[in-house]
């Protein structure tokens, strides 16, 4: 699936886009009698629990412990708060010789 989607990141974006547009996964409802959506933070916990149900491993295949949740979330928050790198200007297109209309 990742190969046909252009990589893991596009695959995940597609999957979460589906969840956001076609399900109640991104609906936050504080009501204890909610009929749709989740309480604040429950959807993220569900995702993290699913991710962590599979073991991490190093390149040699040895098990690696998952980072504590608080550390993981703190790193994500730091990355989100960091100023983004300026985007590079697009490279100019090369002028190509165009075939003459008589060709």
Protein backbone atom coordinates (compact mmCIF):
# COMPACT_ATOMS: atom_id res chain seq x y z
CA UNK A 1 0.00 0.00 0.00
CA UNK A 2 2.75 2.46 0.90
CA UNK A 3 4.44 1.92 -2.48
CA UNK A 4 1.26 2.63 -4.43
CA UNK A 5 0.52 5.67 -2.24
CA UNK A 6 3.94 7.25 -2.73
CA UNK A 7 5.32 6.32 0.69
CA UNK A 8 4.30 5.90 4.30
CA UNK A 9 3.55 9.59 4.95
CA UNK A 10 1.12 9.96 2.01
CA UNK A 11 -0.53 6.68 3.02
CA UNK A 12 -1.03 7.91 6.59
CA UNK A 13 -2.30 11.29 5.37
CA UNK A 14 -4.78 9.50 3.13
CA UNK A 15 -5.93 7.25 5.96
CA UNK A 16 -6.37 10.13 8.41
CA UNK A 17 -8.05 12.21 5.72
CA UNK A 18 -10.56 9.40 5.35
CA UNK A 19 -11.11 9.31 9.12
CA UNK A 20 -11.58 13.09 9.20
CA UNK A 21 -14.00 13.34 6.28
CA UNK A 22 -15.94 10.06 6.45
CA UNK A 23 -16.13 9.15 10.15
CA UNK A 24 -16.70 10.74 13.54
CA UNK A 25 -13.10 10.06 14.56
CA UNK A 26 -12.23 13.78 14.66
CA UNK A 27 -15.40 14.87 16.44
CA UNK A 28 -14.87 15.88 20.07
CA UNK A 29 -18.00 15.75 22.19
CA UNK A 30 -17.63 16.54 25.90
CA UNK A 31 -21.08 15.16 26.72
CA UNK A 32 -21.01 11.94 28.77
CA UNK A 33 -24.04 10.84 26.71
CA UNK A 34 -22.22 11.36 23.39
CA UNK A 35 -23.62 9.49 20.42
CA UNK A 36 -20.80 10.40 18.04
CA UNK A 37 -17.13 11.18 18.37
CA UNK A 38 -14.85 10.92 21.37
CA UNK A 39 -14.10 12.71 24.58
CA UNK A 40 -11.12 15.08 24.30
CA UNK A 41 -7.91 13.03 23.91
CA UNK A 42 -9.57 9.61 23.57
CA UNK A 43 -8.99 9.33 19.81
CA UNK A 44 -5.28 10.09 20.23
CA UNK A 45 -4.99 7.55 23.04
CA UNK A 46 -6.69 4.97 20.83
CA UNK A 47 -4.17 5.62 18.05
CA UNK A 48 -1.20 5.49 20.38
CA UNK A 49 -2.45 2.25 21.92
CA UNK A 50 -2.82 0.71 18.44
CA UNK A 51 0.67 1.90 17.41
CA UNK A 52 2.24 0.56 20.58
CA UNK A 53 0.58 -2.83 20.20
CA UNK A 54 3.42 -3.64 17.78
CA UNK A 55 6.99 -3.81 19.08
CA UNK A 56 9.71 -1.43 17.93
CA UNK A 57 12.99 -2.95 16.80
CA UNK A 58 16.44 -1.76 15.88
CA UNK A 59 17.97 -2.41 12.42
CA UNK A 60 19.24 -5.81 13.63
CA UNK A 61 15.72 -6.82 14.70
CA UNK A 62 16.30 -6.54 18.46
CA UNK A 63 13.39 -5.17 20.53
CA UNK A 64 13.49 -1.50 21.52
CA UNK A 65 11.31 0.00 24.25
CA UNK A 66 8.75 2.62 23.31
CA UNK A 67 9.45 6.08 24.73
CA UNK A 68 7.18 7.16 27.57
CA UNK A 69 4.05 8.82 26.20
CA UNK A 70 4.81 12.14 27.90
CA UNK A 71 8.27 12.26 26.28
CA UNK A 72 6.84 11.43 22.86
CA UNK A 73 4.16 14.11 23.10
CA UNK A 74 6.67 16.69 24.39
CA UNK A 75 8.97 16.05 21.40
CA UNK A 76 6.04 16.38 19.00
CA UNK A 77 5.00 19.66 20.65
CA UNK A 78 8.58 20.98 20.40
CA UNK A 79 8.73 20.14 16.70
CA UNK A 80 5.37 21.78 16.07
CA UNK A 81 6.45 24.95 17.92
CA UNK A 82 9.83 25.18 16.18
CA UNK A 83 10.00 27.76 13.40
CA UNK A 84 9.72 26.09 10.04
CA UNK A 85 12.60 26.23 7.63
CA UNK A 86 12.12 28.69 4.79
CA UNK A 87 10.98 27.08 1.59
CA UNK A 88 13.39 27.09 -1.30
CA UNK A 89 12.44 29.00 -4.38
CA UNK A 90 11.53 26.69 -7.24
CA UNK A 91 14.29 26.06 -9.73
CA UNK A 92 13.75 27.83 -13.03
CA UNK A 93 12.60 25.64 -15.88
CA UNK A 94 15.20 25.03 -18.54
CA UNK A 95 14.49 26.56 -21.89
CA UNK A 96 14.08 23.83 -24.42
CA UNK A 97 14.19 24.11 -28.12
CA UNK A 98 10.73 23.73 -29.42
CA UNK A 99 10.23 21.80 -32.61
CA UNK A 100 9.28 23.95 -35.53
CA UNK A 101 5.66 23.73 -36.64
CA UNK A 102 6.88 22.30 -39.97
CA UNK A 103 8.40 19.21 -38.32
